Protein backbone atom coordinates (compact mmCIF):
# COMPACT_ATOMS: atom_id res chain seq x y z
CA UNK A 1 -12.27 -7.07 -2.46
CA UNK A 2 -12.97 -7.42 -5.95
CA UNK A 3 -14.95 -7.63 -8.89
CA UNK A 4 -12.82 -9.13 -11.36
CA UNK A 5 -11.63 -11.85 -13.57
CA UNK A 6 -8.19 -13.02 -14.60
CA UNK A 7 -7.49 -13.17 -18.30
CA UNK A 8 -6.45 -16.65 -19.34
CA UNK A 9 -2.76 -17.24 -19.94
CA UNK A 10 -3.32 -17.43 -23.69
CA UNK A 11 -5.15 -14.11 -23.84
CA UNK A 12 -2.65 -12.57 -21.45
CA UNK A 13 0.12 -13.53 -23.84
CA UNK A 14 -1.71 -11.76 -26.65
CA UNK A 15 -1.98 -8.62 -24.54
CA UNK A 16 1.72 -8.74 -23.84
CA UNK A 17 2.64 -9.24 -27.46
CA UNK A 18 0.42 -6.34 -28.48
CA UNK A 19 2.09 -4.03 -26.03
CA UNK A 20 5.67 -5.16 -26.44
CA UNK A 21 5.94 -6.96 -23.11
CA UNK A 22 7.22 -10.43 -22.30
CA UNK A 23 5.22 -13.52 -23.27
CA UNK A 24 3.15 -15.37 -20.69
CA UNK A 25 5.57 -17.49 -18.73
CA UNK A 26 3.35 -19.11 -16.09
CA UNK A 27 4.77 -17.01 -13.25
CA UNK A 28 8.47 -17.31 -14.09
CA UNK A 29 10.29 -14.06 -13.53
CA UNK A 30 12.04 -12.52 -16.50
CA UNK A 31 15.77 -11.91 -16.05
CA UNK A 32 16.60 -8.30 -16.92
CA UNK A 33 19.50 -5.97 -16.32
CA UNK A 34 19.12 -4.55 -12.80
CA UNK A 35 18.31 -0.89 -12.27
CA UNK A 36 20.68 1.00 -10.01
CA UNK A 37 19.14 1.50 -6.58
CA UNK A 38 18.77 5.26 -6.16
CA UNK A 39 15.99 6.13 -3.68
CA UNK A 40 14.36 9.56 -3.89
CA UNK A 41 12.11 11.50 -1.56
CA UNK A 42 11.29 11.00 2.13
CA UNK A 43 11.25 7.63 3.84
CA UNK A 44 7.82 6.04 3.90
CA UNK A 45 6.87 5.18 7.50
CA UNK A 46 5.36 1.69 7.48
CA UNK A 47 4.41 1.87 11.16
CA UNK A 48 2.40 5.01 10.50
CA UNK A 49 0.65 3.39 7.51
CA UNK A 50 -0.07 0.34 9.66
CA UNK A 51 -1.71 2.61 12.24
CA UNK A 52 -3.90 4.10 9.50
CA UNK A 53 -5.00 0.56 8.58
CA UNK A 54 -5.91 -0.05 12.20
CA UNK A 55 -7.73 3.27 12.31
CA UNK A 56 -10.11 2.25 9.53
CA UNK A 57 -10.67 -1.27 10.80
CA UNK A 58 -11.51 0.05 14.26
CA UNK A 59 -14.91 1.02 12.87
CA UNK A 60 -15.57 -2.55 11.75
CA UNK A 61 -16.47 -3.57 8.18
CA UNK A 62 -17.16 -0.38 6.16
CA UNK A 63 -20.02 -1.88 4.20
CA UNK A 64 -22.35 0.34 2.22
CA UNK A 65 -25.20 2.05 4.11
CA UNK A 66 -23.74 1.14 7.52
CA UNK A 67 -22.87 3.31 10.53
CA UNK A 68 -19.27 2.09 10.32
CA UNK A 69 -19.12 3.32 6.72
CA UNK A 70 -20.34 6.80 7.72
CA UNK A 71 -17.94 7.00 10.66
CA UNK A 72 -14.96 5.93 8.58
CA UNK A 73 -15.83 8.48 5.91
CA UNK A 74 -15.57 11.27 8.48
CA UNK A 75 -12.29 9.82 9.77
CA UNK A 76 -10.70 9.69 6.30
CA UNK A 77 -11.83 13.24 5.48
CA UNK A 78 -10.37 14.46 8.77
CA UNK A 79 -7.03 12.75 8.16
CA UNK A 80 -6.51 14.31 4.75
CA UNK A 81 -7.49 17.73 6.09
CA UNK A 82 -5.13 17.23 9.03
CA UNK A 83 -2.29 16.73 6.55
CA UNK A 84 -2.94 19.90 4.61
CA UNK A 85 -5.15 18.70 1.77
CA UNK A 86 -8.22 20.39 0.37
CA UNK A 87 -10.98 17.80 0.61
CA UNK A 88 -14.26 17.43 -1.24
CA UNK A 89 -16.83 14.65 -1.14
CA UNK A 90 -18.73 13.42 -4.17
CA UNK A 91 -22.01 11.90 -3.04
CA UNK A 92 -24.39 9.81 -5.10
CA UNK A 93 -27.01 7.12 -4.70
CA UNK A 94 -25.78 4.22 -6.77
CA UNK A 95 -27.47 0.87 -7.24
CA UNK A 96 -26.11 -2.57 -6.56
CA UNK A 97 -26.51 -5.58 -8.85
CA UNK A 98 -29.72 -6.45 -6.98
CA UNK A 99 -31.14 -2.93 -7.12
CA UNK A 100 -30.14 -1.99 -3.57
CA UNK A 101 -29.70 1.81 -3.27
CA UNK A 102 -26.17 2.52 -2.04
CA UNK A 103 -25.34 5.82 -0.31
CA UNK A 104 -21.91 6.30 -1.85
CA UNK A 105 -19.24 8.91 -1.19
CA UNK A 106 -16.06 9.34 -3.20
CA UNK A 107 -13.55 11.22 -1.04
CA UNK A 108 -11.25 13.51 -3.05
CA UNK A 109 -8.26 15.21 -1.42
CA UNK A 110 -6.00 17.67 -3.24
CA UNK A 111 -2.36 18.40 -2.38
CA UNK A 112 -1.02 21.55 -4.06
CA UNK A 113 -4.16 21.94 -6.12
CA UNK A 114 -2.78 25.04 -7.85
CA UNK A 115 0.04 23.20 -9.61
CA UNK A 116 -0.37 22.77 -13.41
CA UNK A 117 0.63 19.09 -13.35
CA UNK A 118 -1.08 16.50 -11.13
CA UNK A 119 -0.66 12.82 -10.36
CA UNK A 120 -3.69 10.73 -9.34
CA UNK A 121 -3.41 8.24 -6.47
CA UNK A 122 -6.52 6.18 -5.75
CA UNK A 123 -7.87 3.25 -3.78
CA UNK A 124 -11.27 2.03 -2.63
CA UNK A 125 -12.36 2.41 0.98
CA UNK A 126 -15.53 0.32 1.27
CA UNK A 127 -15.65 -3.26 2.56
CA UNK A 128 -16.99 -6.34 0.81
CA UNK A 129 -20.40 -7.12 2.37
CA UNK A 130 -20.00 -10.87 1.84
CA UNK A 131 -17.04 -13.19 2.53
CA UNK A 132 -18.09 -15.21 -0.49
CA UNK A 133 -14.67 -16.78 -1.09
CA UNK A 134 -14.27 -18.00 2.48
CA UNK A 135 -13.44 -21.72 2.81
CA UNK A 136 -16.27 -22.00 5.36
CA UNK A 137 -19.58 -21.61 3.53
CA UNK A 138 -21.28 -20.45 6.73
CA UNK A 139 -19.25 -17.22 6.39
CA UNK A 140 -20.34 -16.46 2.83
CA UNK A 141 -22.79 -13.77 3.90
CA UNK A 142 -20.57 -12.31 6.63
CA UNK A 143 -19.08 -8.84 5.98
CA UNK A 144 -15.33 -8.65 5.37
CA UNK A 145 -13.16 -6.49 7.65
CA UNK A 146 -11.18 -5.52 4.54
CA UNK A 147 -7.89 -4.67 6.22
CA UNK A 148 -6.06 -5.45 2.99
CA UNK A 149 -8.85 -5.20 0.43
CA UNK A 150 -9.61 -1.56 1.02
CA UNK A 151 -7.92 -0.17 4.14
CA UNK A 152 -4.34 -0.83 3.03
CA UNK A 153 -4.54 1.34 -0.10
CA UNK A 154 -6.17 4.22 1.75
CA UNK A 155 -3.58 3.90 4.53
CA UNK A 156 -0.72 4.23 2.05
CA UNK A 157 -2.33 7.34 0.55
CA UNK A 158 -2.86 8.98 3.95
CA UNK A 159 0.76 8.31 4.88
CA UNK A 160 1.93 9.80 1.57
CA UNK A 161 -0.19 12.89 2.31
CA UNK A 162 1.36 13.13 5.79
CA UNK A 163 4.86 13.02 4.33
CA UNK A 164 4.12 15.53 1.57
CA UNK A 165 2.98 18.07 4.13
CA UNK A 166 6.52 18.04 5.52
CA UNK A 167 8.33 18.79 2.23
CA UNK A 168 8.40 21.74 -0.14
CA UNK A 169 10.39 20.22 -3.00
CA UNK A 170 7.59 18.56 -4.98
CA UNK A 171 6.61 20.71 -7.93
CA UNK A 172 3.34 18.99 -8.77
CA UNK A 173 -0.11 18.40 -7.36
CA UNK A 174 -1.39 15.10 -6.07
CA UNK A 175 -5.06 14.11 -6.11
CA UNK A 176 -5.94 11.36 -3.63
CA UNK A 177 -9.26 9.71 -4.52
CA UNK A 178 -10.90 7.17 -2.22
CA UNK A 179 -13.47 5.36 -4.34
CA UNK A 180 -16.61 4.04 -2.72
CA UNK A 181 -18.90 1.14 -3.67
CA UNK A 182 -16.10 -0.82 -5.31
CA UNK A 183 -16.84 -4.13 -3.67
CA UNK A 184 -20.59 -4.56 -4.16
CA UNK A 185 -20.01 -6.83 -7.15
CA UNK A 186 -22.10 -9.95 -7.69
CA UNK A 187 -21.22 -12.54 -5.00
CA UNK A 188 -19.99 -15.98 -5.96
CA UNK A 189 -23.05 -17.60 -4.38
CA UNK A 190 -25.39 -15.64 -6.68
CA UNK A 191 -26.64 -17.02 -9.99
CA UNK A 192 -26.25 -13.56 -11.56
CA UNK A 193 -23.38 -12.22 -13.63
CA UNK A 194 -22.59 -8.53 -14.10
CA UNK A 195 -19.08 -7.14 -14.54
CA UNK A 196 -20.45 -3.61 -14.23
CA UNK A 197 -21.59 -4.32 -10.67
CA UNK A 198 -18.02 -3.65 -9.50
CA UNK A 199 -16.23 -0.30 -9.12
CA UNK A 200 -19.45 1.69 -8.94
CA UNK A 201 -17.87 4.71 -7.26
CA UNK A 202 -15.02 4.83 -9.77
CA UNK A 203 -17.50 4.56 -12.62
CA UNK A 204 -19.43 7.53 -11.24
CA UNK A 205 -16.29 9.59 -10.60
CA UNK A 206 -14.91 8.94 -14.07
CA UNK A 207 -18.21 9.73 -15.80
CA UNK A 208 -18.33 13.09 -13.99
CA UNK A 209 -14.63 13.94 -14.20
CA UNK A 210 -15.10 16.89 -16.56
CA UNK A 211 -12.54 19.54 -17.42
CA UNK A 212 -9.87 20.47 -14.87
CA UNK A 213 -7.63 23.55 -14.66
CA UNK A 214 -4.62 21.26 -14.56
CA UNK A 215 -3.20 18.27 -16.40
CA UNK A 216 -3.44 14.88 -14.72
CA UNK A 217 -0.42 13.14 -16.18
CA UNK A 218 -1.25 9.62 -14.97
CA UNK A 219 -2.75 7.64 -12.12
CA UNK A 220 -1.82 4.79 -9.78
CA UNK A 221 -4.47 2.56 -8.20
CA UNK A 222 -3.50 0.88 -4.93
CA UNK A 223 -5.48 -2.30 -4.34
CA UNK A 224 -4.67 -4.85 -1.60
CA UNK A 225 -1.20 -3.44 -0.96
CA UNK A 226 -0.61 -4.78 2.56
CA UNK A 227 -0.92 -8.55 2.30
CA UNK A 228 1.54 -11.07 3.65
CA UNK A 229 3.68 -12.60 0.92
CA UNK A 230 2.37 -10.21 -1.73
CA UNK A 231 4.11 -9.68 -5.05
CA UNK A 232 2.89 -7.12 -7.55
CA UNK A 233 3.03 -8.49 -11.06
CA UNK A 234 2.34 -6.22 -14.04
CA UNK A 235 -1.43 -6.18 -14.53
CA UNK A 236 -2.80 -6.81 -18.02
CA UNK A 237 -5.25 -3.91 -18.37
CA UNK A 238 -2.58 -1.53 -17.09
CA UNK A 239 -0.31 -2.75 -19.87
CA UNK A 240 -3.11 -2.22 -22.36
CA UNK A 241 -4.02 1.33 -21.36
CA UNK A 242 -0.87 2.70 -19.73
CA UNK A 243 2.22 0.65 -20.67
CA UNK A 244 4.58 3.62 -20.21
CA UNK A 245 3.25 4.16 -16.68
CA UNK A 246 3.71 0.47 -15.86
CA UNK A 247 7.34 0.84 -16.91
CA UNK A 248 7.67 4.02 -14.84
CA UNK A 249 6.22 2.47 -11.68
CA UNK A 250 8.14 -0.81 -11.89
CA UNK A 251 11.37 1.07 -12.60
CA UNK A 252 10.65 3.20 -9.54
CA UNK A 253 10.12 0.10 -7.39
CA UNK A 254 13.44 -1.32 -8.49
CA UNK A 255 15.25 2.01 -8.01
CA UNK A 256 13.76 2.31 -4.51
CA UNK A 257 15.16 -1.13 -3.65
CA UNK A 258 11.97 -3.20 -3.81
CA UNK A 259 12.47 -5.27 -6.94
CA UNK A 260 11.58 -8.44 -5.02
CA UNK A 261 8.04 -7.12 -4.56
CA UNK A 262 7.62 -5.96 -8.17
CA UNK A 263 8.61 -8.75 -10.58
CA UNK A 264 8.53 -7.89 -14.27
CA UNK A 265 6.02 -10.65 -15.01
CA UNK A 266 2.38 -10.63 -16.06
CA UNK A 267 -0.28 -11.21 -13.43
CA UNK A 268 -3.36 -11.20 -15.67
CA UNK A 269 -5.99 -8.59 -16.52
CA UNK A 270 -8.27 -7.27 -13.79
CA UNK A 271 -11.66 -5.55 -13.71
CA UNK A 272 -10.89 -2.86 -11.13
CA UNK A 273 -11.30 0.86 -10.42
CA UNK A 274 -8.60 1.76 -12.94
CA UNK A 275 -10.75 0.66 -15.90
CA UNK A 276 -13.27 3.53 -15.76
CA UNK A 277 -10.45 5.94 -14.92
CA UNK A 278 -8.72 4.88 -18.14
CA UNK A 279 -11.78 4.42 -20.33
CA UNK A 280 -14.07 7.26 -19.16
CA UNK A 281 -11.81 9.87 -17.56
CA UNK A 282 -9.01 9.28 -20.06
CA UNK A 283 -6.26 9.22 -17.43
CA UNK A 284 -3.61 6.53 -18.09
CA UNK A 285 -3.74 4.60 -14.83
CA UNK A 286 -2.04 1.44 -13.60
CA UNK A 287 -3.16 -1.02 -10.95
CA UNK A 288 -0.71 -2.08 -8.23
CA UNK A 289 -2.43 -5.28 -7.15
CA UNK A 290 -0.97 -8.55 -5.86
CA UNK A 291 -0.81 -11.78 -7.78
CA UNK A 292 -0.30 -15.13 -6.04
CA UNK A 293 0.27 -17.61 -8.88
CA UNK A 294 0.50 -20.64 -6.60
CA UNK A 295 -2.26 -19.81 -4.12
CA UNK A 296 -5.04 -22.41 -4.17
CA UNK A 297 -7.61 -20.15 -2.47
CA UNK A 298 -7.31 -17.27 -4.93
CA UNK A 299 -4.74 -15.64 -7.19
CA UNK A 300 -5.45 -12.51 -5.10
CA UNK A 301 -4.14 -14.29 -2.01
CA UNK A 302 -5.51 -16.55 0.71
CA UNK A 303 -7.51 -13.86 2.56
CA UNK A 304 -9.30 -12.37 -0.47
CA UNK A 305 -13.03 -12.06 0.25
CA UNK A 306 -12.74 -14.11 3.44
CA UNK A 307 -13.22 -13.32 7.12
CA UNK A 308 -9.42 -13.62 7.45
CA UNK A 309 -8.86 -10.29 5.68
CA UNK A 310 -8.05 -8.67 9.01
CA UNK A 311 -5.14 -6.88 10.67
CA UNK A 312 -3.52 -10.17 11.68
CA UNK A 313 -2.74 -10.73 8.00
CA UNK A 314 -1.30 -7.31 7.18
CA UNK A 315 2.47 -7.05 6.67
CA UNK A 316 3.96 -3.61 7.22
CA UNK A 317 6.90 -4.61 4.98
CA UNK A 318 4.48 -4.87 2.06
CA UNK A 319 3.04 -1.44 2.92
CA UNK A 320 6.59 -0.09 2.99
CA UNK A 321 7.48 -1.53 -0.43
CA UNK A 322 4.41 -0.05 -2.09
CA UNK A 323 4.52 3.26 -0.23
CA UNK A 324 8.19 3.83 -0.98
CA UNK A 325 7.57 3.01 -4.62
CA UNK A 326 4.83 5.66 -4.77
CA UNK A 327 7.17 8.18 -3.15
CA UNK A 328 9.86 7.26 -5.69
CA UNK A 329 7.45 7.88 -8.56
CA UNK A 330 6.38 11.27 -7.21
CA UNK A 331 9.90 12.51 -6.52
CA UNK A 332 11.31 11.49 -9.87
CA UNK A 333 8.69 13.33 -11.92
């Protein structure tokens, strides 16, 4: 999926010290007093979320300017409408690092739009056009299916929307934003370098956020939330911009019974969609993103930006852990 860099362990330690977190401990989990398990809200249906992953991948790689991309856009819009959301699309022609015009669409779905307090849930829905981290160099220009790096986050959001339609006890609004053009960042085989080539849809959305008739209290970005063996360490830029929300989300994970998926350890700082949301839109937003400290292929996991990012490598237990954590956050506000 992604467009990013990991902060070095030394710099990560500085970030943690600045924001009152634990020092960099090379992946060792900090021993803390356990939080009492006290789940709130409806049960997240991992099988349903898994089906929503399949639904997106059925179109093939959702690369920019492709027929599969257009078809999946219509499918996502229809799903959110089906589950009672008001949906709008934000269209723009953005430009890739190489000048390629990209027909981008940010999909924005509102649940209980009239409520004075809102929570933002977001993920990207486009696919990486190049498997540039694949161990086989002949695949480096092959599009990625993006079952995890894209479809998983959207699937969790659609399932949350489906569940919210069935309840009447949530006294807040939820804005689901599917960012486009996240994964057009400079490929590893290119001799160029441009951090701003990532998260193009989020950059556009944040720059045009404007004034709303409600307060968006905070946001949660869901990025690669269905991978096998995933653990979600506390991300460095989230700690910088939204340390209280990091604490809220990780407490929710532990209270929902998923502490094993959400260690209270630093995973590094990531250039991702949450940066423009924090810096331009001014919404304190955290990134739930996996960290594999001992993975030789990538700290984002063995399928990151490879042709193996497919449904065979999605774990519905990971979807469940993340989805139930999001439900816990919403129903404890």
